[in-house]
Amino acid sequence: KTEKGATSIISIVGKEGIGKMTLANM
């Protein structure tokens, strides 16, 4: 359940471009 919530946040943040950095860190 926590992963689903994180994915939603990443999707929203990804719109700004920060999501790309988050994925790179992972």
N, C-alpha and C. Protein backbone atom coordinates (compact mmCIF):
# COMPACT_ATOMS: atom_id res chain seq x y z
N LYS A 1 0.85 -1.20 0.00
CA LYS A 1 0.00 0.00 0.00
C LYS A 1 0.89 1.26 0.00
N THR A 2 1.98 1.21 0.72
CA THR A 2 2.86 2.39 0.77
C THR A 2 3.44 2.66 -0.61
N GLU A 3 3.79 1.60 -1.32
CA GLU A 3 4.38 1.79 -2.66
C GLU A 3 3.39 2.50 -3.59
N LYS A 4 2.12 2.15 -3.49
CA LYS A 4 1.12 2.79 -4.37
C LYS A 4 1.06 4.28 -4.08
N GLY A 5 1.09 4.66 -2.82
CA GLY A 5 1.05 6.09 -2.47
C GLY A 5 2.29 6.80 -2.99
N ALA A 6 3.45 6.16 -2.86
CA ALA A 6 4.70 6.78 -3.33
C ALA A 6 4.63 6.96 -4.84
N THR A 7 4.08 5.99 -5.54
CA THR A 7 4.00 6.09 -7.00
C THR A 7 3.14 7.29 -7.40
N SER A 8 2.07 7.53 -6.67
CA SER A 8 1.20 8.67 -7.00
C SER A 8 1.97 9.97 -6.83
N ILE A 9 2.72 10.07 -5.73
CA ILE A 9 3.49 11.30 -5.47
C ILE A 9 4.54 11.47 -6.56
N ILE A 10 5.22 10.39 -6.91
CA ILE A 10 6.27 10.47 -7.94
C ILE A 10 5.64 10.92 -9.26
N SER A 11 4.46 10.42 -9.56
CA SER A 11 3.80 10.78 -10.83
C SER A 11 3.52 12.28 -10.85
N ILE A 12 3.02 12.81 -9.75
CA ILE A 12 2.70 14.25 -9.69
C ILE A 12 3.99 15.05 -9.77
N VAL A 13 4.98 14.66 -9.00
CA VAL A 13 6.26 15.39 -9.00
C VAL A 13 6.94 15.24 -10.36
N GLY A 14 6.78 14.08 -10.98
CA GLY A 14 7.40 13.85 -12.29
C GLY A 14 6.96 14.90 -13.29
N LYS A 15 5.75 15.40 -13.14
CA LYS A 15 5.26 16.42 -14.08
C LYS A 15 6.18 17.64 -14.06
N GLU A 16 6.74 17.95 -12.91
CA GLU A 16 7.63 19.13 -12.80
C GLU A 16 9.02 18.79 -13.29
N GLY A 17 9.36 17.51 -13.35
CA GLY A 17 10.69 17.13 -13.81
C GLY A 17 11.52 16.58 -12.65
N ILE A 18 11.08 16.82 -11.41
CA ILE A 18 11.83 16.31 -10.26
C ILE A 18 11.73 14.78 -10.22
N GLY A 19 10.63 14.25 -10.74
CA GLY A 19 10.44 12.79 -10.74
C GLY A 19 11.61 12.10 -11.42
N LYS A 20 12.16 12.73 -12.45
CA LYS A 20 13.29 12.10 -13.17
C LYS A 20 14.46 11.92 -12.22
N MET A 21 14.71 12.90 -11.37
CA MET A 21 15.83 12.80 -10.41
C MET A 21 15.54 11.69 -9.41
N THR A 22 14.29 11.59 -8.98
CA THR A 22 13.93 10.56 -8.00
C THR A 22 14.17 9.17 -8.59
N LEU A 23 13.77 8.99 -9.85
CA LEU A 23 13.96 7.68 -10.49
C LEU A 23 15.45 7.40 -10.65
N ALA A 24 16.23 8.43 -10.93
CA ALA A 24 17.68 8.24 -11.12
C ALA A 24 18.30 7.79 -9.80
N ASN A 25 17.85 8.37 -8.70
CA ASN A 25 18.39 7.98 -7.39
C ASN A 25 18.08 6.52 -7.10
N MET A 26 16.87 6.09 -7.49
CA MET A 26 16.46 4.71 -7.23
C MET A 26 17.23 3.78 -8.16
